[in-house]
Amino acid sequence: MDITIIYPSYFRIFECRSGRWFIKNLETFVATSTINHEDINTLYGVTEGQVVIELFRINGGKSGYYLANIRDKKYYYCVDHGGVKKKLLELGIGRVDPLENTHG
């Protein structure tokens, strides 16, 4: 199943599996400038390693998905992709796909 999640560039999605951390691929959907949105150190003054330390602190490195708002330094734990989408919706980002919950 392919899951597309659209979110602002100051968010990053990480996955922790068996104590190893992976940053999920970031693909630009709409670019409003020529800024390299992958260089979080230049943009937000934080490295990926520093973000992982903060993510580890919120849930002890439990396997699952982690959502990092690197602009505002806020971090969230999600069990799966669906949890990431749900958390973004709770934060006022995105909307429910009207075709996602149809019964035919």
Protein backbone atom coordinates (compact mmCIF):
# COMPACT_ATOMS: atom_id res chain seq x y z
CA MET A 1 0.00 0.00 0.00
CA ASP A 2 1.38 3.39 -1.02
CA ILE A 3 0.84 6.14 1.51
CA THR A 4 1.43 9.75 0.51
CA ILE A 5 1.77 12.29 3.25
CA ILE A 6 2.10 15.98 2.40
CA TYR A 7 3.51 18.19 5.12
CA PRO A 8 5.53 21.42 5.52
CA SER A 9 9.28 21.24 4.91
CA TYR A 10 10.06 22.04 8.56
CA PHE A 11 8.69 18.63 9.55
CA ARG A 12 10.69 15.43 9.20
CA ILE A 13 9.52 11.86 9.61
CA PHE A 14 11.90 9.40 11.26
CA GLU A 15 11.50 5.68 11.76
CA CYS A 16 13.14 3.68 14.53
CA ARG A 17 13.57 -0.06 13.94
CA SER A 18 15.53 -2.26 16.34
CA GLY A 19 17.39 0.73 17.75
CA ARG A 20 18.36 2.09 14.31
CA TRP A 21 17.06 5.44 13.08
CA PHE A 22 16.05 6.22 9.51
CA ILE A 23 14.90 9.54 8.11
CA LYS A 24 12.10 8.99 5.62
CA ASN A 25 12.62 10.32 2.11
CA LEU A 26 11.70 13.95 1.59
CA GLU A 27 10.39 14.72 -1.86
CA THR A 28 9.55 18.32 -2.67
CA PHE A 29 5.97 18.68 -3.82
CA VAL A 30 5.94 22.45 -4.36
CA ALA A 31 9.09 24.53 -4.13
CA THR A 32 8.49 28.20 -3.41
CA SER A 33 12.21 29.03 -3.35
CA THR A 34 15.60 27.65 -4.31
CA ILE A 35 16.52 26.86 -0.68
CA ASN A 36 17.80 23.34 0.00
CA HIS A 37 15.13 22.08 2.42
CA GLU A 38 17.19 18.99 3.27
CA ASP A 39 19.91 21.05 5.00
CA ILE A 40 18.23 21.38 8.40
CA ASN A 41 21.42 22.57 10.08
CA THR A 42 21.58 25.69 7.89
CA LEU A 43 17.82 26.28 8.00
CA TYR A 44 17.10 25.54 11.66
CA GLY A 45 20.45 25.31 13.46
CA VAL A 46 20.06 21.64 14.36
CA THR A 47 21.62 18.45 13.01
CA GLU A 48 19.82 15.19 12.29
CA GLY A 49 21.79 13.65 15.16
CA GLN A 50 20.48 16.27 17.59
CA VAL A 51 16.93 15.62 16.40
CA VAL A 52 17.35 11.87 16.95
CA ILE A 53 18.51 12.54 20.53
CA GLU A 54 15.31 14.52 21.17
CA LEU A 55 13.19 11.81 19.55
CA PHE A 56 14.83 9.16 21.72
CA ARG A 57 14.02 11.20 24.83
CA ILE A 58 10.26 11.22 24.16
CA ASN A 59 9.87 7.45 23.95
CA GLY A 60 13.16 5.76 24.75
CA GLY A 61 13.80 4.78 21.16
CA LYS A 62 10.75 2.54 20.92
CA SER A 63 10.20 1.19 17.40
CA GLY A 64 7.79 3.21 15.31
CA TYR A 65 7.54 6.54 13.56
CA TYR A 66 8.53 9.90 14.95
CA LEU A 67 7.42 13.26 13.68
CA ALA A 68 9.80 16.16 14.24
CA ASN A 69 8.80 19.80 13.90
CA ILE A 70 12.37 21.06 13.61
CA ARG A 71 11.37 24.70 13.30
CA ASP A 72 9.56 24.78 16.66
CA LYS A 73 11.56 21.93 18.27
CA LYS A 74 8.46 19.79 18.95
CA TYR A 75 8.56 16.02 18.66
CA TYR A 76 5.87 13.35 18.49
CA TYR A 77 5.74 9.54 18.54
CA CYS A 78 3.48 7.60 16.18
CA VAL A 79 3.11 3.84 15.97
CA ASP A 80 2.73 3.73 12.16
CA HIS A 81 2.22 5.80 8.98
CA GLY A 82 -1.44 6.21 9.83
CA GLY A 83 -0.45 7.71 13.16
CA VAL A 84 1.77 10.24 11.39
CA LYS A 85 -1.13 11.33 9.18
CA LYS A 86 -3.43 11.51 12.20
CA LYS A 87 -0.94 13.61 14.21
CA LEU A 88 -0.48 16.04 11.31
CA LEU A 89 -4.26 16.42 11.08
CA GLU A 90 -4.42 17.05 14.85
CA LEU A 91 -1.81 19.78 14.34
CA GLY A 92 -4.00 21.40 11.66
CA ILE A 93 -1.88 20.23 8.73
CA GLY A 94 -3.62 18.64 5.77
CA ARG A 95 -7.13 17.32 5.45
CA VAL A 96 -8.87 13.97 5.29
CA ASP A 97 -8.94 12.53 1.78
CA PRO A 98 -12.67 12.30 0.90
CA LEU A 99 -12.01 9.15 -1.17
CA GLU A 100 -10.14 7.41 1.64
CA ASN A 101 -13.19 6.53 3.73
CA THR A 102 -15.76 5.72 1.07
CA HIS A 103 -17.75 2.54 1.21
CA GLY A 104 -18.90 1.14 -2.09
